[in-house]
Amino acid sequence: MRFVSPVLMLSAAAFVYWNNQQQEGTVLAFPFISTLWPAAEGDPVKMGQGTVALFVGVGVLSLIRALSRLRRDRQEALNEASESTTP
């Protein structure tokens, strides 16, 4: 379950990118992208790119967090196993 968020975010980025490339004249974009990226103000293509970048960024950050939690949990399990076998 810990990898659901990264997969959803990266899948959403891929879908938005694909959809924005397919549609002529319409772009999927978050309306607040121009607040985060002022250069995108009034440019739907840049707003779409910013939306994809936001999805990818959140997806990568959540993937890094999930991987670090997985590593930590495995390390704790190894430590517990070694402590229980030590006389």
Protein backbone atom coordinates (compact mmCIF):
# COMPACT_ATOMS: atom_id res chain seq x y z
CA MET A 1 0.00 0.00 0.00
CA ARG A 2 2.91 2.37 0.53
CA PHE A 3 3.56 2.63 -3.21
CA VAL A 4 -0.02 3.55 -4.16
CA SER A 5 0.51 7.31 -3.90
CA PRO A 6 3.66 7.41 -6.04
CA VAL A 7 2.05 5.21 -8.67
CA LEU A 8 -1.08 7.37 -8.74
CA MET A 9 0.87 10.63 -8.98
CA LEU A 10 3.19 9.39 -11.72
CA SER A 11 0.25 7.84 -13.59
CA ALA A 12 -1.62 11.13 -13.37
CA ALA A 13 1.45 12.93 -14.74
CA ALA A 14 1.64 10.50 -17.64
CA PHE A 15 -2.07 10.87 -18.38
CA VAL A 16 -2.00 14.67 -18.24
CA TYR A 17 1.08 14.75 -20.48
CA TRP A 18 -0.51 12.32 -22.95
CA ASN A 19 -3.85 14.14 -22.94
CA ASN A 20 -2.26 17.55 -23.42
CA GLN A 21 -0.35 16.21 -26.42
CA GLN A 22 -3.50 14.67 -27.96
CA GLN A 23 -5.99 17.49 -27.60
CA GLU A 24 -5.84 20.47 -29.88
CA GLY A 25 -6.74 23.66 -28.04
CA THR A 26 -7.63 22.11 -24.69
CA VAL A 27 -5.16 21.55 -21.89
CA LEU A 28 -5.54 19.86 -18.51
CA ALA A 29 -3.95 22.09 -15.89
CA PHE A 30 -4.30 23.13 -12.29
CA PRO A 31 -5.64 26.69 -12.15
CA PHE A 32 -3.09 27.71 -9.47
CA ILE A 33 -0.01 26.85 -11.56
CA SER A 34 0.41 30.50 -12.53
CA THR A 35 0.79 31.30 -8.82
CA LEU A 36 3.60 28.77 -8.47
CA TRP A 37 5.13 29.57 -11.87
CA PRO A 38 4.37 33.20 -12.85
CA ALA A 39 5.82 32.73 -16.36
CA ALA A 40 2.89 30.40 -17.15
CA GLU A 41 0.32 33.17 -16.69
CA GLY A 42 -1.98 33.10 -19.71
CA ASP A 43 -0.05 30.33 -21.53
CA PRO A 44 -2.06 27.09 -21.46
CA VAL A 45 0.85 25.00 -22.76
CA LYS A 46 3.13 26.15 -19.94
CA MET A 47 0.33 25.63 -17.43
CA GLY A 48 -0.03 22.05 -18.68
CA GLN A 49 3.72 21.53 -18.39
CA GLY A 50 3.67 22.93 -14.88
CA THR A 51 0.86 20.57 -13.94
CA VAL A 52 2.83 17.59 -15.23
CA ALA A 53 5.93 18.80 -13.37
CA LEU A 54 3.92 19.17 -10.16
CA PHE A 55 2.54 15.61 -10.46
CA VAL A 56 6.01 14.24 -11.22
CA GLY A 57 7.56 16.16 -8.31
CA VAL A 58 5.00 14.94 -5.80
CA GLY A 59 5.26 11.41 -7.23
CA VAL A 60 9.04 11.33 -6.96
CA LEU A 61 9.03 12.77 -3.44
CA SER A 62 6.43 10.23 -2.28
CA LEU A 63 8.41 7.43 -3.96
CA ILE A 64 11.58 8.49 -2.15
CA ARG A 65 9.68 8.60 1.12
CA ALA A 66 8.15 5.16 0.53
CA LEU A 67 11.53 3.67 -0.35
CA SER A 68 13.17 5.18 2.73
CA ARG A 69 10.38 3.85 4.95
CA LEU A 70 10.74 0.41 3.35
CA ARG A 71 14.48 0.47 3.98
CA ARG A 72 14.01 1.59 7.57
CA ASP A 73 11.38 -1.10 8.24
CA ARG A 74 13.63 -3.81 6.78
CA GLN A 75 16.57 -2.58 8.85
CA GLU A 76 14.46 -2.64 12.01
CA ALA A 77 13.27 -6.16 11.19
CA LEU A 78 16.87 -7.30 10.70
CA ASN A 79 17.90 -5.68 13.98
CA GLU A 80 15.04 -7.36 15.83
CA ALA A 81 15.87 -10.72 14.26
CA SER A 82 19.54 -10.43 15.21
CA GLU A 83 18.65 -9.40 18.78
CA SER A 84 16.28 -12.34 19.21
CA THR A 85 18.88 -14.86 18.01
CA THR A 86 21.68 -13.45 20.16
CA PRO A 87 21.88 -15.43 23.45
